Amino acid sequence: EKNVVYNAMGHNIFIEDGIETNNRILHNLVVSTKRSWSLLNTDATPACFWITNPNNHWIGNHAAGSDRYGFWFDLHDHPMGPSATNSICPRGVQLGTFR
């Protein structure tokens, strides 16, 4: 809540695995997100806000000047990483709050 990110590499504010729900990401400003070739594979196409599960609350956030995406809804069939499971489908989940 109430963070400022400037000139940072890779995804800046994110919920990574896709299993996380009902988080409140509030009033953040991200400016000048840069691509990276040495972090996660997806950091080559970075997002100010990388969203892997839509069932969260994104309120009052602002993105400006990313090398690729401001807000990236990167939805997969199932969560990935340490939270991997076939019992949840982020792609079919309803959007929480986005304003």
PDB file of N, CA and C in Angstrom:
ATOM      1  N   GLU A   1       0.835  -1.176   0.000  1.00  0.00           N
ATOM      2  CA  GLU A   1       0.000   0.000   0.000  1.00  0.00           C
ATOM      3  C   GLU A   1       0.885   1.247   0.000  1.00  0.00           C
ATOM      4  N   LYS A   2       0.534   2.186  -0.890  1.00  0.00           N
ATOM      5  CA  LYS A   2       1.187   3.494  -0.975  1.00  0.00           C
ATOM      6  C   LYS A   2       2.689   3.405  -1.245  1.00  0.00           C
ATOM      7  N   ASN A   3       3.065   2.569  -2.217  1.00  0.00           N
ATOM      8  CA  ASN A   3       4.463   2.459  -2.635  1.00  0.00           C
ATOM      9  C   ASN A   3       4.695   3.280  -3.894  1.00  0.00           C
ATOM     10  N   VAL A   4       5.926   3.722  -4.068  1.00  0.00           N
ATOM     11  CA  VAL A   4       6.369   4.350  -5.311  1.00  0.00           C
ATOM     12  C   VAL A   4       7.552   3.537  -5.817  1.00  0.00           C
ATOM     13  N   VAL A   5       7.446   3.083  -7.074  1.00  0.00           N
ATOM     14  CA  VAL A   5       8.530   2.330  -7.705  1.00  0.00           C
ATOM     15  C   VAL A   5       8.965   3.132  -8.927  1.00  0.00           C
ATOM     16  N   TYR A   6      10.269   3.386  -9.056  1.00  0.00           N
ATOM     17  CA  TYR A   6      10.773   4.168 -10.178  1.00  0.00           C
ATOM     18  C   TYR A   6      12.012   3.507 -10.773  1.00  0.00           C
ATOM     19  N   ASN A   7      11.990   3.341 -12.097  1.00  0.00           N
ATOM     20  CA  ASN A   7      13.148   2.887 -12.856  1.00  0.00           C
ATOM     21  C   ASN A   7      13.670   1.523 -12.371  1.00  0.00           C
ATOM     22  N   ALA A   8      12.767   0.605 -12.103  1.00  0.00           N
ATOM     23  CA  ALA A   8      13.139  -0.725 -11.606  1.00  0.00           C
ATOM     24  C   ALA A   8      13.046  -1.750 -12.738  1.00  0.00           C
ATOM     25  N   MET A   9      13.827  -2.835 -12.612  1.00  0.00           N
ATOM     26  CA  MET A   9      13.854  -3.882 -13.637  1.00  0.00           C
ATOM     27  C   MET A   9      12.877  -5.016 -13.292  1.00  0.00           C
ATOM     28  N   GLY A  10      12.274  -5.582 -14.339  1.00  0.00           N
ATOM     29  CA  GLY A  10      11.378  -6.722 -14.172  1.00  0.00           C
ATOM     30  C   GLY A  10      10.019  -6.297 -13.653  1.00  0.00           C
ATOM     31  N   HIS A  11       9.177  -7.292 -13.349  1.00  0.00           N
ATOM     32  CA  HIS A  11       7.860  -6.996 -12.795  1.00  0.00           C
ATOM     33  C   HIS A  11       8.036  -6.270 -11.471  1.00  0.00           C
ATOM     34  N   ASN A  12       7.196  -5.285 -11.227  1.00  0.00           N
ATOM     35  CA  ASN A  12       7.388  -4.458 -10.037  1.00  0.00           C
ATOM     36  C   ASN A  12       6.467  -4.843  -8.886  1.00  0.00           C
ATOM     37  N   ILE A  13       5.181  -4.778  -9.072  1.00  0.00           N
ATOM     38  CA  ILE A  13       4.235  -5.178  -8.027  1.00  0.00           C
ATOM     39  C   ILE A  13       3.428  -6.329  -8.588  1.00  0.00           C
ATOM     40  N   PHE A  14       3.467  -7.469  -7.895  1.00  0.00           N
ATOM     41  CA  PHE A  14       2.826  -8.651  -8.479  1.00  0.00           C
ATOM     42  C   PHE A  14       2.437  -9.683  -7.440  1.00  0.00           C
ATOM     43  N   ILE A  15       1.521 -10.535  -7.868  1.00  0.00           N
ATOM     44  CA  ILE A  15       1.145 -11.742  -7.147  1.00  0.00           C
ATOM     45  C   ILE A  15       1.510 -12.856  -8.108  1.00  0.00           C
ATOM     46  N   GLU A  16       2.510 -13.634  -7.759  1.00  0.00           N
ATOM     47  CA  GLU A  16       3.246 -14.427  -8.735  1.00  0.00           C
ATOM     48  C   GLU A  16       2.647 -15.780  -9.116  1.00  0.00           C
ATOM     49  N   ASP A  17       2.254 -16.597  -8.159  1.00  0.00           N
ATOM     50  CA  ASP A  17       1.909 -17.993  -8.475  1.00  0.00           C
ATOM     51  C   ASP A  17       0.552 -18.170  -9.142  1.00  0.00           C
ATOM     52  N   GLY A  18      -0.394 -17.301  -8.861  1.00  0.00           N
ATOM     53  CA  GLY A  18      -1.728 -17.422  -9.441  1.00  0.00           C
ATOM     54  C   GLY A  18      -2.733 -18.060  -8.505  1.00  0.00           C
ATOM     55  N   ILE A  19      -2.325 -18.420  -7.304  1.00  0.00           N
ATOM     56  CA  ILE A  19      -3.246 -19.023  -6.341  1.00  0.00           C
ATOM     57  C   ILE A  19      -3.743 -17.992  -5.327  1.00  0.00           C
ATOM     58  N   GLU A  20      -3.064 -16.866  -5.223  1.00  0.00           N
ATOM     59  CA  GLU A  20      -3.355 -15.852  -4.223  1.00  0.00           C
ATOM     60  C   GLU A  20      -4.662 -15.124  -4.546  1.00  0.00           C
ATOM     61  N   THR A  21      -5.522 -14.964  -3.532  1.00  0.00           N
ATOM     62  CA  THR A  21      -6.799 -14.275  -3.729  1.00  0.00           C
ATOM     63  C   THR A  21      -7.070 -13.312  -2.570  1.00  0.00           C
ATOM     64  N   ASN A  22      -7.960 -12.371  -2.837  1.00  0.00           N
ATOM     65  CA  ASN A  22      -8.453 -11.412  -1.843  1.00  0.00           C
ATOM     66  C   ASN A  22      -7.372 -10.530  -1.219  1.00  0.00           C
ATOM     67  N   ASN A  23      -6.279 -10.316  -1.931  1.00  0.00           N
ATOM     68  CA  ASN A  23      -5.260  -9.369  -1.481  1.00  0.00           C
ATOM     69  C   ASN A  23      -5.700  -7.958  -1.853  1.00  0.00           C
ATOM     70  N   ARG A  24      -5.253  -6.995  -1.090  1.00  0.00           N
ATOM     71  CA  ARG A  24      -5.557  -5.590  -1.358  1.00  0.00           C
ATOM     72  C   ARG A  24      -4.272  -4.882  -1.774  1.00  0.00           C
ATOM     73  N   ILE A  25      -4.219  -4.481  -3.041  1.00  0.00           N
ATOM     74  CA  ILE A  25      -3.081  -3.754  -3.576  1.00  0.00           C
ATOM     75  C   ILE A  25      -3.587  -2.330  -3.807  1.00  0.00           C
ATOM     76  N   LEU A  26      -3.166  -1.415  -2.955  1.00  0.00           N
ATOM     77  CA  LEU A  26      -3.812  -0.105  -2.883  1.00  0.00           C
ATOM     78  C   LEU A  26      -2.843   1.056  -3.100  1.00  0.00           C
ATOM     79  N   HIS A  27      -3.250   1.990  -3.962  1.00  0.00           N
ATOM     80  CA  HIS A  27      -2.635   3.312  -4.094  1.00  0.00           C
ATOM     81  C   HIS A  27      -1.123   3.275  -4.305  1.00  0.00           C
ATOM     82  N   ASN A  28      -0.698   2.538  -5.319  1.00  0.00           N
ATOM     83  CA  ASN A  28       0.717   2.448  -5.667  1.00  0.00           C
ATOM     84  C   ASN A  28       0.982   3.178  -6.980  1.00  0.00           C
ATOM     85  N   LEU A  29       2.169   3.701  -7.131  1.00  0.00           N
ATOM     86  CA  LEU A  29       2.608   4.370  -8.354  1.00  0.00           C
ATOM     87  C   LEU A  29       3.865   3.673  -8.850  1.00  0.00           C
ATOM     88  N   VAL A  30       3.818   3.205 -10.109  1.00  0.00           N
ATOM     89  CA  VAL A  30       4.983   2.559 -10.716  1.00  0.00           C
ATOM     90  C   VAL A  30       5.319   3.314 -12.001  1.00  0.00           C
ATOM     91  N   VAL A  31       6.570   3.779 -12.109  1.00  0.00           N
ATOM     92  CA  VAL A  31       7.009   4.593 -13.241  1.00  0.00           C
ATOM     93  C   VAL A  31       8.302   4.023 -13.810  1.00  0.00           C
ATOM     94  N   SER A  32       8.338   3.855 -15.117  1.00  0.00           N
ATOM     95  CA  SER A  32       9.555   3.488 -15.849  1.00  0.00           C
ATOM     96  C   SER A  32      10.068   2.088 -15.499  1.00  0.00           C
ATOM     97  N   THR A  33       9.237   1.093 -15.768  1.00  0.00           N
ATOM     98  CA  THR A  33       9.614  -0.306 -15.567  1.00  0.00           C
ATOM     99  C   THR A  33      10.512  -0.750 -16.723  1.00  0.00           C
ATOM    100  N   LYS A  34      11.644  -1.353 -16.398  1.00  0.00           N
ATOM    101  CA  LYS A  34      12.642  -1.754 -17.400  1.00  0.00           C
ATOM    102  C   LYS A  34      12.673  -3.266 -17.604  1.00  0.00           C
ATOM    103  N   ARG A  35      12.959  -3.687 -18.802  1.00  0.00           N
ATOM    104  CA  ARG A  35      13.096  -5.117 -19.130  1.00  0.00           C
ATOM    105  C   ARG A  35      14.402  -5.648 -18.562  1.00  0.00           C
ATOM    106  N   SER A  36      14.381  -6.938 -18.215  1.00  0.00           N
ATOM    107  CA  SER A  36      15.573  -7.607 -17.697  1.00  0.00           C
ATOM    108  C   SER A  36      15.732  -8.949 -18.387  1.00  0.00           C
ATOM    109  N   TRP A  37      16.941  -9.311 -18.687  1.00  0.00           N
ATOM    110  CA  TRP A  37      17.215 -10.608 -19.306  1.00  0.00           C
ATOM    111  C   TRP A  37      17.784 -11.588 -18.275  1.00  0.00           C
ATOM    112  N   SER A  38      17.925 -11.164 -17.013  1.00  0.00           N
ATOM    113  CA  SER A  38      18.584 -12.023 -16.023  1.00  0.00           C
ATOM    114  C   SER A  38      17.701 -12.409 -14.837  1.00  0.00           C
ATOM    115  N   LEU A  39      16.447 -12.023 -14.833  1.00  0.00           N
ATOM    116  CA  LEU A  39      15.552 -12.378 -13.736  1.00  0.00           C
ATOM    117  C   LEU A  39      14.635 -13.515 -14.207  1.00  0.00           C
ATOM    118  N   LEU A  40      13.335 -13.445 -13.962  1.00  0.00           N
ATOM    119  CA  LEU A  40      12.388 -14.437 -14.485  1.00  0.00           C
ATOM    120  C   LEU A  40      12.298 -14.320 -16.007  1.00  0.00           C
ATOM    121  N   ASN A  41      11.923 -15.379 -16.692  1.00  0.00           N
ATOM    122  CA  ASN A  41      11.755 -15.313 -18.150  1.00  0.00           C
ATOM    123  C   ASN A  41      10.779 -14.216 -18.538  1.00  0.00           C
ATOM    124  N   THR A  42       9.695 -14.061 -17.773  1.00  0.00           N
ATOM    125  CA  THR A  42       8.691 -13.052 -18.125  1.00  0.00           C
ATOM    126  C   THR A  42       9.176 -11.631 -17.868  1.00  0.00           C
ATOM    127  N   ASP A  43      10.283 -11.453 -17.163  1.00  0.00           N
ATOM    128  CA  ASP A  43      10.809 -10.105 -16.929  1.00  0.00           C
ATOM    129  C   ASP A  43      11.386  -9.471 -18.192  1.00  0.00           C
ATOM    130  N   ALA A  44      11.512 -10.253 -19.261  1.00  0.00           N
ATOM    131  CA  ALA A  44      11.915  -9.686 -20.552  1.00  0.00           C
ATOM    132  C   ALA A  44      10.770  -8.861 -21.147  1.00  0.00           C
ATOM    133  N   THR A  45       9.545  -9.132 -20.687  1.00  0.00           N
ATOM    134  CA  THR A  45       8.363  -8.349 -21.068  1.00  0.00           C
ATOM    135  C   THR A  45       7.687  -7.884 -19.777  1.00  0.00           C
ATOM    136  N   PRO A  46       8.292  -6.927 -19.081  1.00  0.00           N
ATOM    137  CA  PRO A  46       7.857  -6.600 -17.726  1.00  0.00           C
ATOM    138  C   PRO A  46       6.548  -5.836 -17.646  1.00  0.00           C
ATOM    139  N   ALA A  47       5.930  -5.970 -16.478  1.00  0.00           N
ATOM    140  CA  ALA A  47       4.713  -5.231 -16.178  1.00  0.00           C
ATOM    141  C   ALA A  47       4.916  -4.416 -14.911  1.00  0.00           C
ATOM    142  N   CYS A  48       4.355  -3.231 -14.902  1.00  0.00           N
ATOM    143  CA  CYS A  48       4.335  -2.472 -13.653  1.00  0.00           C
ATOM    144  C   CYS A  48       3.571  -3.275 -12.607  1.00  0.00           C
ATOM    145  N   PHE A  49       2.423  -3.828 -13.014  1.00  0.00           N
ATOM    146  CA  PHE A  49       1.605  -4.686 -12.161  1.00  0.00           C
ATOM    147  C   PHE A  49       1.368  -5.993 -12.906  1.00  0.00           C
ATOM    148  N   TRP A  50       1.886  -7.090 -12.377  1.00  0.00           N
ATOM    149  CA  TRP A  50       1.746  -8.422 -13.006  1.00  0.00           C
ATOM    150  C   TRP A  50       0.689  -9.178 -12.223  1.00  0.00           C
ATOM    151  N   ILE A  51      -0.428  -9.465 -12.863  1.00  0.00           N
ATOM    152  CA  ILE A  51      -1.607 -10.029 -12.200  1.00  0.00           C
ATOM    153  C   ILE A  51      -1.839 -11.438 -12.715  1.00  0.00           C
ATOM    154  N   THR A  52      -1.673 -12.440 -11.858  1.00  0.00           N
ATOM    155  CA  THR A  52      -1.827 -13.834 -12.263  1.00  0.00           C
ATOM    156  C   THR A  52      -3.106 -14.470 -11.726  1.00  0.00           C
ATOM    157  N   ASN A  53      -3.851 -13.748 -10.886  1.00  0.00           N
ATOM    158  CA  ASN A  53      -5.169 -14.199 -10.435  1.00  0.00           C
ATOM    159  C   ASN A  53      -6.033 -12.956 -10.296  1.00  0.00           C
ATOM    160  N   PRO A  54      -7.140 -12.883 -11.025  1.00  0.00           N
ATOM    161  CA  PRO A  54      -7.944 -11.666 -11.011  1.00  0.00           C
ATOM    162  C   PRO A  54      -8.742 -11.444  -9.725  1.00  0.00           C
ATOM    163  N   ASN A  55      -8.860 -12.464  -8.859  1.00  0.00           N
ATOM    164  CA  ASN A  55      -9.669 -12.333  -7.645  1.00  0.00           C
ATOM    165  C   ASN A  55      -8.887 -11.651  -6.522  1.00  0.00           C
ATOM    166  N   ASN A  56      -8.488 -10.406  -6.782  1.00  0.00           N
ATOM    167  CA  ASN A  56      -7.796  -9.560  -5.817  1.00  0.00           C
ATOM    168  C   ASN A  56      -8.346  -8.153  -5.970  1.00  0.00           C
ATOM    169  N   HIS A  57      -7.945  -7.258  -5.104  1.00  0.00           N
ATOM    170  CA  HIS A  57      -8.490  -5.902  -5.090  1.00  0.00           C
ATOM    171  C   HIS A  57      -7.387  -4.906  -5.430  1.00  0.00           C
ATOM    172  N   TRP A  58      -7.469  -4.375  -6.645  1.00  0.00           N
ATOM    173  CA  TRP A  58      -6.488  -3.420  -7.174  1.00  0.00           C
ATOM    174  C   TRP A  58      -7.181  -2.059  -7.213  1.00  0.00           C
ATOM    175  N   ILE A  59      -6.858  -1.194  -6.257  1.00  0.00           N
ATOM    176  CA  ILE A  59      -7.581   0.069  -6.111  1.00  0.00           C
ATOM    177  C   ILE A  59      -6.593   1.234  -6.077  1.00  0.00           C
ATOM    178  N   GLY A  60      -6.839   2.224  -6.940  1.00  0.00           N
ATOM    179  CA  GLY A  60      -6.062   3.462  -6.919  1.00  0.00           C
ATOM    180  C   GLY A  60      -4.620   3.329  -7.342  1.00  0.00           C
ATOM    181  N   ASN A  61      -4.307   2.339  -8.163  1.00  0.00           N
ATOM    182  CA  ASN A  61      -2.930   2.130  -8.626  1.00  0.00           C
ATOM    183  C   ASN A  61      -2.699   2.820  -9.961  1.00  0.00           C
ATOM    184  N   HIS A  62      -1.460   3.233 -10.201  1.00  0.00           N
ATOM    185  CA  HIS A  62      -1.113   3.943 -11.433  1.00  0.00           C
ATOM    186  C   HIS A  62       0.179   3.375 -12.010  1.00  0.00           C
ATOM    187  N   ALA A  63       0.195   3.199 -13.339  1.00  0.00           N
ATOM    188  CA  ALA A  63       1.367   2.687 -14.054  1.00  0.00           C
ATOM    189  C   ALA A  63       1.701   3.642 -15.194  1.00  0.00           C
ATOM    190  N   ALA A  64       2.991   3.932 -15.344  1.00  0.00           N
ATOM    191  CA  ALA A  64       3.404   4.833 -16.420  1.00  0.00           C
ATOM    192  C   ALA A  64       4.795   4.459 -16.927  1.00  0.00           C
ATOM    193  N   GLY A  65       4.943   4.310 -18.238  1.00  0.00           N
ATOM    194  CA  GLY A  65       6.249   4.173 -18.853  1.00  0.00           C
ATOM    195  C   GLY A  65       6.935   2.829 -18.721  1.00  0.00           C
ATOM    196  N   SER A  66       6.201   1.742 -18.850  1.00  0.00           N
ATOM    197  CA  SER A  66       6.826   0.417 -18.809  1.00  0.00           C
ATOM    198  C   SER A  66       7.397   0.056 -20.174  1.00  0.00           C
ATOM    199  N   ASP A  67       8.462  -0.766 -20.192  1.00  0.00           N
ATOM    200  CA  ASP A  67       8.985  -1.280 -21.457  1.00  0.00           C
ATOM    201  C   ASP A  67       7.962  -2.169 -22.166  1.00  0.00           C
ATOM    202  N   ARG A  68       6.966  -2.698 -21.449  1.00  0.00           N
ATOM    203  CA  ARG A  68       5.985  -3.573 -22.079  1.00  0.00           C
ATOM    204  C   ARG A  68       4.556  -3.309 -21.607  1.00  0.00           C
ATOM    205  N   TYR A  69       4.222  -3.640 -20.352  1.00  0.00           N
ATOM    206  CA  TYR A  69       2.835  -3.559 -19.876  1.00  0.00           C
ATOM    207  C   TYR A  69       2.705  -2.658 -18.660  1.00  0.00           C
ATOM    208  N   GLY A  70       1.566  -1.992 -18.550  1.00  0.00           N
ATOM    209  CA  GLY A  70       1.215  -1.294 -17.324  1.00  0.00           C
ATOM    210  C   GLY A  70       0.611  -2.306 -16.349  1.00  0.00           C
ATOM    211  N   PHE A  71      -0.568  -2.829 -16.711  1.00  0.00           N
ATOM    212  CA  PHE A  71      -1.244  -3.873 -15.944  1.00  0.00           C
ATOM    213  C   PHE A  71      -1.347  -5.092 -16.848  1.00  0.00           C
ATOM    214  N   TRP A  72      -0.743  -6.186 -16.469  1.00  0.00           N
ATOM    215  CA  TRP A  72      -0.743  -7.401 -17.297  1.00  0.00           C
ATOM    216  C   TRP A  72      -1.504  -8.500 -16.567  1.00  0.00           C
ATOM    217  N   PHE A  73      -2.676  -8.851 -17.100  1.00  0.00           N
ATOM    218  CA  PHE A  73      -3.437  -9.991 -16.600  1.00  0.00           C
ATOM    219  C   PHE A  73      -2.914 -11.227 -17.314  1.00  0.00           C
ATOM    220  N   ASP A  74      -1.953 -11.882 -16.722  1.00  0.00           N
ATOM    221  CA  ASP A  74      -1.281 -13.065 -17.277  1.00  0.00           C
ATOM    222  C   ASP A  74      -1.904 -14.311 -16.625  1.00  0.00           C
ATOM    223  N   LEU A  75      -3.057 -14.710 -17.143  1.00  0.00           N
ATOM    224  CA  LEU A  75      -3.855 -15.764 -16.502  1.00  0.00           C
ATOM    225  C   LEU A  75      -3.575 -17.118 -17.130  1.00  0.00           C
ATOM    226  N   HIS A  76      -3.278 -18.096 -16.291  1.00  0.00           N
ATOM    227  CA  HIS A  76      -2.991 -19.461 -16.734  1.00  0.00           C
ATOM    228  C   HIS A  76      -4.109 -20.399 -16.308  1.00  0.00           C
ATOM    229  N   ASP A  77      -4.100 -21.606 -16.851  1.00  0.00           N
ATOM    230  CA  ASP A  77      -5.106 -22.594 -16.480  1.00  0.00           C
ATOM    231  C   ASP A  77      -4.981 -23.015 -15.024  1.00  0.00           C
ATOM    232  N   HIS A  78      -3.751 -23.061 -14.510  1.00  0.00           N
ATOM    233  CA  HIS A  78      -3.512 -23.505 -13.134  1.00  0.00           C
ATOM    234  C   HIS A  78      -2.372 -22.694 -12.526  1.00  0.00           C
ATOM    235  N   PRO A  79      -2.366 -22.544 -11.189  1.00  0.00           N
ATOM    236  CA  PRO A  79      -1.256 -21.860 -10.530  1.00  0.00           C
ATOM    237  C   PRO A  79       0.073 -22.535 -10.847  1.00  0.00           C
ATOM    238  N   MET A  80       1.148 -21.752 -10.753  1.00  0.00           N
ATOM    239  CA  MET A  80       2.476 -22.261 -11.061  1.00  0.00           C
ATOM    240  C   MET A  80       3.379 -22.138  -9.837  1.00  0.00           C
ATOM    241  N   GLY A  81       4.609 -22.549  -9.976  1.00  0.00           N
ATOM    242  CA  GLY A  81       5.595 -22.405  -8.910  1.00  0.00           C
ATOM    243  C   GLY A  81       5.298 -23.273  -7.709  1.00  0.00           C
ATOM    244  N   PRO A  82       5.717 -22.829  -6.517  1.00  0.00           N
ATOM    245  CA  PRO A  82       5.530 -23.619  -5.302  1.00  0.00           C
ATOM    246  C   PRO A  82       4.060 -23.888  -4.977  1.00  0.00           C
ATOM    247  N   SER A  83       3.156 -23.072  -5.518  1.00  0.00           N
ATOM    248  CA  SER A  83       1.726 -23.232  -5.245  1.00  0.00           C
ATOM    249  C   SER A  83       0.992 -24.021  -6.321  1.00  0.00           C
ATOM    250  N   ALA A  84       1.713 -24.699  -7.186  1.00  0.00           N
ATOM    251  CA  ALA A  84       1.104 -25.420  -8.311  1.00  0.00           C
ATOM    252  C   ALA A  84       0.048 -26.418  -7.824  1.00  0.00           C
ATOM    253  N   THR A  85      -1.094 -26.380  -8.487  1.00  0.00           N
ATOM    254  CA  THR A  85      -2.186 -27.318  -8.220  1.00  0.00           C
ATOM    255  C   THR A  85      -3.110 -27.339  -9.429  1.00  0.00           C
ATOM    256  N   ASN A  86      -3.779 -28.447  -9.655  1.00  0.00           N
ATOM    257  CA  ASN A  86      -4.748 -28.538 -10.748  1.00  0.00           C
ATOM    258  C   ASN A  86      -6.160 -28.236 -10.278  1.00  0.00           C
ATOM    259  N   SER A  87      -6.345 -27.959  -8.996  1.00  0.00           N
ATOM    260  CA  SER A  87      -7.686 -27.763  -8.447  1.00  0.00           C
ATOM    261  C   SER A  87      -8.212 -26.336  -8.600  1.00  0.00           C
ATOM    262  N   ILE A  88      -7.376 -25.411  -9.082  1.00  0.00           N
ATOM    263  CA  ILE A  88      -7.774 -24.012  -9.241  1.00  0.00           C
ATOM    264  C   ILE A  88      -7.449 -23.560 -10.653  1.00  0.00           C
ATOM    265  N   CYS A  89      -8.360 -22.767 -11.229  1.00  0.00           N
ATOM    266  CA  CYS A  89      -8.152 -22.243 -12.583  1.00  0.00           C
ATOM    267  C   CYS A  89      -8.273 -20.720 -12.557  1.00  0.00           C
ATOM    268  N   PRO A  90      -7.145 -19.986 -12.403  1.00  0.00           N
ATOM    269  CA  PRO A  90      -7.205 -18.523 -12.362  1.00  0.00           C
ATOM    270  C   PRO A  90      -7.873 -17.912 -13.603  1.00  0.00           C
ATOM    271  N   ARG A  91      -7.752 -18.578 -14.731  1.00  0.00           N
ATOM    272  CA  ARG A  91      -8.336 -18.057 -15.966  1.00  0.00           C
ATOM    273  C   ARG A  91      -9.863 -17.966 -15.875  1.00  0.00           C
ATOM    274  N   GLY A  92     -10.474 -18.808 -15.032  1.00  0.00           N
ATOM    275  CA  GLY A  92     -11.932 -18.825 -14.907  1.00  0.00           C
ATOM    276  C   GLY A  92     -12.461 -18.095 -13.686  1.00  0.00           C
ATOM    277  N   VAL A  93     -11.592 -17.386 -12.963  1.00  0.00           N
ATOM    278  CA  VAL A  93     -11.985 -16.705 -11.728  1.00  0.00           C
ATOM    279  C   VAL A  93     -12.511 -15.311 -12.053  1.00  0.00           C
ATOM    280  N   GLN A  94     -13.513 -14.873 -11.313  1.00  0.00           N
ATOM    281  CA  GLN A  94     -14.100 -13.553 -11.495  1.00  0.00           C
ATOM    282  C   GLN A  94     -13.143 -12.463 -10.991  1.00  0.00           C
ATOM    283  N   LEU A  95     -13.128 -11.333 -11.675  1.00  0.00           N
ATOM    284  CA  LEU A  95     -12.315 -10.183 -11.270  1.00  0.00           C
ATOM    285  C   LEU A  95     -12.801  -9.645  -9.941  1.00  0.00           C
ATOM    286  N   GLY A  96     -11.861  -9.408  -9.012  1.00  0.00           N
ATOM    287  CA  GLY A  96     -12.208  -8.794  -7.727  1.00  0.00           C
ATOM    288  C   GLY A  96     -12.571  -7.346  -7.938  1.00  0.00           C
ATOM    289  N   THR A  97     -11.790  -6.430  -7.432  1.00  0.00           N
ATOM    290  CA  THR A  97     -12.025  -4.991  -7.619  1.00  0.00           C
ATOM    291  C   THR A  97     -10.873  -4.423  -8.430  1.00  0.00           C
ATOM    292  N   PHE A  98     -11.192  -3.640  -9.456  1.00  0.00           N
ATOM    293  CA  PHE A  98     -10.162  -2.983 -10.263  1.00  0.00           C
ATOM    294  C   PHE A  98     -10.677  -1.590 -10.604  1.00  0.00           C
ATOM    295  N   ARG A  99     -10.130  -0.628  -9.885  1.00  0.00           N
ATOM    296  CA  ARG A  99     -10.547   0.766 -10.150  1.00  0.00           C
ATOM    297  C   ARG A  99      -9.452   1.730  -9.762  1.00  0.00           C
TER     298      ARG A  99
END
